[in-house]
C-alpha atoms as a PDB file:
ATOM      1  CA  UNK A   1      57.088  30.337 -52.869  1.00  0.00           C
ATOM      2  CA  UNK A   2      59.375  30.616 -49.943  1.00  0.00           C
ATOM      3  CA  UNK A   3      59.693  34.391 -49.420  1.00  0.00           C
ATOM      4  CA  UNK A   4      62.750  33.414 -45.817  1.00  0.00           C
ATOM      5  CA  UNK A   5      65.919  33.464 -46.090  1.00  0.00           C
ATOM      6  CA  UNK A   6      68.022  30.732 -45.909  1.00  0.00           C
ATOM      7  CA  UNK A   7      69.036  31.248 -42.485  1.00  0.00           C
ATOM      8  CA  UNK A   8      65.729  31.593 -41.401  1.00  0.00           C
ATOM      9  CA  UNK A   9      64.676  28.098 -43.148  1.00  0.00           C
ATOM     10  CA  UNK A  10      68.294  26.700 -40.953  1.00  0.00           C
ATOM     11  CA  UNK A  11      67.860  28.858 -38.048  1.00  0.00           C
ATOM     12  CA  UNK A  12      63.408  27.576 -38.109  1.00  0.00           C
ATOM     13  CA  UNK A  13      62.492  30.931 -37.414  1.00  0.00           C
ATOM     14  CA  UNK A  14      58.689  32.049 -38.722  1.00  0.00           C
ATOM     15  CA  UNK A  15      55.631  32.321 -38.242  1.00  0.00           C
ATOM     16  CA  UNK A  16      54.341  29.734 -34.604  1.00  0.00           C
ATOM     17  CA  UNK A  17      51.028  29.109 -36.018  1.00  0.00           C
ATOM     18  CA  UNK A  18      50.158  29.555 -32.476  1.00  0.00           C
ATOM     19  CA  UNK A  19      48.436  32.860 -32.654  1.00  0.00           C
ATOM     20  CA  UNK A  20      46.126  31.811 -34.843  1.00  0.00           C
ATOM     21  CA  UNK A  21      43.790  30.417 -32.671  1.00  0.00           C
ATOM     22  CA  UNK A  22      44.619  32.907 -29.924  1.00  0.00           C
ATOM     23  CA  UNK A  23      42.965  35.822 -32.160  1.00  0.00           C
ATOM     24  CA  UNK A  24      40.261  33.534 -33.662  1.00  0.00           C
ATOM     25  CA  UNK A  25      38.960  32.500 -29.642  1.00  0.00           C
ATOM     26  CA  UNK A  26      40.025  36.457 -28.813  1.00  0.00           C
ATOM     27  CA  UNK A  27      36.355  37.006 -31.901  1.00  0.00           C
ATOM     28  CA  UNK A  28      33.954  33.863 -31.180  1.00  0.00           C
ATOM     29  CA  UNK A  29      34.241  34.991 -27.469  1.00  0.00           C
ATOM     30  CA  UNK A  30      33.705  38.522 -28.788  1.00  0.00           C
ATOM     31  CA  UNK A  31      31.074  37.403 -30.613  1.00  0.00           C
ATOM     32  CA  UNK A  32      29.237  35.143 -28.339  1.00  0.00           C
ATOM     33  CA  UNK A  33      29.181  38.387 -25.722  1.00  0.00           C
ATOM     34  CA  UNK A  34      26.787  40.280 -27.513  1.00  0.00           C
ATOM     35  CA  UNK A  35      24.023  37.879 -27.299  1.00  0.00           C
ATOM     36  CA  UNK A  36      24.960  37.357 -23.442  1.00  0.00           C
ATOM     37  CA  UNK A  37      25.455  40.915 -22.942  1.00  0.00           C
ATOM     38  CA  UNK A  38      21.631  41.716 -23.623  1.00  0.00           C
ATOM     39  CA  UNK A  39      21.218  38.523 -21.426  1.00  0.00           C
ATOM     40  CA  UNK A  40      23.095  39.517 -18.151  1.00  0.00           C
ATOM     41  CA  UNK A  41      21.581  43.307 -18.676  1.00  0.00           C
ATOM     42  CA  UNK A  42      18.264  41.515 -18.681  1.00  0.00           C
ATOM     43  CA  UNK A  43      19.141  39.634 -15.766  1.00  0.00           C
ATOM     44  CA  UNK A  44      20.827  43.850 -13.709  1.00  0.00           C
ATOM     45  CA  UNK A  45      17.198  44.767 -14.379  1.00  0.00           C
ATOM     46  CA  UNK A  46      15.387  42.062 -13.375  1.00  0.00           C
ATOM     47  CA  UNK A  47      17.447  41.896  -9.625  1.00  0.00           C
ATOM     48  CA  UNK A  48      16.943  46.072  -8.930  1.00  0.00           C
ATOM     49  CA  UNK A  49      13.042  45.747  -9.989  1.00  0.00           C
ATOM     50  CA  UNK A  50      11.480  42.477  -9.368  1.00  0.00           C
ATOM     51  CA  UNK A  51      11.705  41.130  -5.154  1.00  0.00           C
ATOM     52  CA  UNK A  52      14.489  38.835  -4.682  1.00  0.00           C
ATOM     53  CA  UNK A  53      12.649  35.929  -4.420  1.00  0.00           C
ATOM     54  CA  UNK A  54      11.804  36.719  -7.821  1.00  0.00           C
ATOM     55  CA  UNK A  55      15.123  37.296  -9.434  1.00  0.00           C
ATOM     56  CA  UNK A  56      16.168  33.693  -7.153  1.00  0.00           C
ATOM     57  CA  UNK A  57      13.569  32.307  -9.490  1.00  0.00           C
ATOM     58  CA  UNK A  58      14.829  33.459 -13.134  1.00  0.00           C
ATOM     59  CA  UNK A  59      18.305  32.592 -12.373  1.00  0.00           C
ATOM     60  CA  UNK A  60      17.020  29.832 -11.451  1.00  0.00           C
ATOM     61  CA  UNK A  61      15.243  28.693 -14.269  1.00  0.00           C
ATOM     62  CA  UNK A  62      17.954  26.120 -16.660  1.00  0.00           C
ATOM     63  CA  UNK A  63      18.240  28.531 -19.964  1.00  0.00           C
ATOM     64  CA  UNK A  64      19.159  31.828 -17.809  1.00  0.00           C
ATOM     65  CA  UNK A  65      21.172  30.793 -15.564  1.00  0.00           C
ATOM     66  CA  UNK A  66      22.397  28.344 -18.340  1.00  0.00           C
ATOM     67  CA  UNK A  67      23.512  31.596 -20.530  1.00  0.00           C
ATOM     68  CA  UNK A  68      24.620  33.033 -17.117  1.00  0.00           C
ATOM     69  CA  UNK A  69      27.210  30.439 -16.798  1.00  0.00           C
ATOM     70  CA  UNK A  70      28.019  31.090 -20.903  1.00  0.00           C
ATOM     71  CA  UNK A  71      28.658  35.038 -20.420  1.00  0.00           C
ATOM     72  CA  UNK A  72      30.970  34.320 -16.506  1.00  0.00           C
ATOM     73  CA  UNK A  73      32.688  32.005 -18.518  1.00  0.00           C
ATOM     74  CA  UNK A  74      33.222  33.567 -21.782  1.00  0.00           C
ATOM     75  CA  UNK A  75      33.873  36.801 -20.324  1.00  0.00           C
ATOM     76  CA  UNK A  76      36.830  35.769 -17.491  1.00  0.00           C
ATOM     77  CA  UNK A  77      38.108  34.160 -20.967  1.00  0.00           C
ATOM     78  CA  UNK A  78      38.509  36.829 -23.234  1.00  0.00           C
ATOM     79  CA  UNK A  79      39.796  39.089 -20.483  1.00  0.00           C
ATOM     80  CA  UNK A  80      42.546  36.670 -20.094  1.00  0.00           C
ATOM     81  CA  UNK A  81      43.100  37.007 -23.760  1.00  0.00           C
ATOM     82  CA  UNK A  82      43.069  41.071 -23.955  1.00  0.00           C
ATOM     83  CA  UNK A  83      45.206  40.792 -21.249  1.00  0.00           C
ATOM     84  CA  UNK A  84      48.321  38.072 -22.244  1.00  0.00           C
ATOM     85  CA  UNK A  85      48.229  40.671 -26.101  1.00  0.00           C
ATOM     86  CA  UNK A  86      48.558  43.631 -23.990  1.00  0.00           C
ATOM     87  CA  UNK A  87      51.206  42.071 -21.290  1.00  0.00           C
ATOM     88  CA  UNK A  88      52.897  39.962 -24.562  1.00  0.00           C
ATOM     89  CA  UNK A  89      53.364  43.385 -26.184  1.00  0.00           C
ATOM     90  CA  UNK A  90      54.281  45.628 -23.205  1.00  0.00           C
ATOM     91  CA  UNK A  91      56.651  43.340 -21.280  1.00  0.00           C
ATOM     92  CA  UNK A  92      60.233  43.402 -23.199  1.00  0.00           C
ATOM     93  CA  UNK A  93      62.204  40.522 -20.140  1.00  0.00           C
ATOM     94  CA  UNK A  94      60.930  36.973 -20.920  1.00  0.00           C
ATOM     95  CA  UNK A  95      61.230  35.796 -17.142  1.00  0.00           C
ATOM     96  CA  UNK A  96      58.962  38.630 -16.245  1.00  0.00           C
ATOM     97  CA  UNK A  97      56.459  38.561 -19.016  1.00  0.00           C
ATOM     98  CA  UNK A  98      55.925  35.041 -18.612  1.00  0.00           C
ATOM     99  CA  UNK A  99      55.424  35.181 -14.650  1.00  0.00           C
ATOM    100  CA  UNK A 100      52.659  38.454 -15.895  1.00  0.00           C
ATOM    101  CA  UNK A 101      50.866  35.318 -18.390  1.00  0.00           C
ATOM    102  CA  UNK A 102      50.886  33.388 -15.338  1.00  0.00           C
ATOM    103  CA  UNK A 103      49.618  34.904 -12.873  1.00  0.00           C
ATOM    104  CA  UNK A 104      46.424  37.349 -15.422  1.00  0.00           C
ATOM    105  CA  UNK A 105      45.577  33.710 -16.175  1.00  0.00           C
ATOM    106  CA  UNK A 106      45.458  32.855 -12.136  1.00  0.00           C
ATOM    107  CA  UNK A 107      44.134  35.168 -10.734  1.00  0.00           C
ATOM    108  CA  UNK A 108      41.528  35.383 -13.819  1.00  0.00           C
ATOM    109  CA  UNK A 109      40.519  31.142 -13.771  1.00  0.00           C
ATOM    110  CA  UNK A 110      39.812  32.383  -9.679  1.00  0.00           C
ATOM    111  CA  UNK A 111      37.556  34.873 -10.379  1.00  0.00           C
ATOM    112  CA  UNK A 112      35.741  32.533 -12.677  1.00  0.00           C
ATOM    113  CA  UNK A 113      34.981  29.986 -10.121  1.00  0.00           C
ATOM    114  CA  UNK A 114      34.094  32.068  -7.459  1.00  0.00           C
ATOM    115  CA  UNK A 115      31.539  33.427  -9.985  1.00  0.00           C
ATOM    116  CA  UNK A 116      30.285  29.766 -11.214  1.00  0.00           C
ATOM    117  CA  UNK A 117      29.976  28.688  -7.879  1.00  0.00           C
ATOM    118  CA  UNK A 118      28.211  31.360  -6.365  1.00  0.00           C
ATOM    119  CA  UNK A 119      25.569  30.912  -9.638  1.00  0.00           C
ATOM    120  CA  UNK A 120      25.697  27.410  -8.089  1.00  0.00           C
ATOM    121  CA  UNK A 121      24.546  28.926  -5.257  1.00  0.00           C
ATOM    122  CA  UNK A 122      22.583  31.012  -5.917  1.00  0.00           C
ATOM    123  CA  UNK A 123      20.623  28.217  -8.469  1.00  0.00           C
ATOM    124  CA  UNK A 124      20.330  25.661  -5.293  1.00  0.00           C
ATOM    125  CA  UNK A 125      18.970  28.096  -2.913  1.00  0.00           C
ATOM    126  CA  UNK A 126      16.432  28.939  -5.242  1.00  0.00           C
END
């Protein structure tokens, strides 16, 4: 049963079916960040209480470095998705909206790459 008007059917108006993947990815990253954030809190606690060399050794362990890298990727992707929703909701003009989304995505991509390179450099030193 189609509840759209004949005019909306002709114009092809209706759900674009692309918002559901955005919604799901935001939920998936939020759920993934829960256990990964505990890993990050553990890392921050170690870095404040133990010597530098021991912190490097902890981060150099494959499981720990993979979890920190996963946290970095998830948190920056989750933040970019969230800000995209805010921009889509509150920026009315189409041009500034698209430009703002691109700037936010590029900014978070830059931050993620910077953080990933920092972890890789720390792991290669330790």
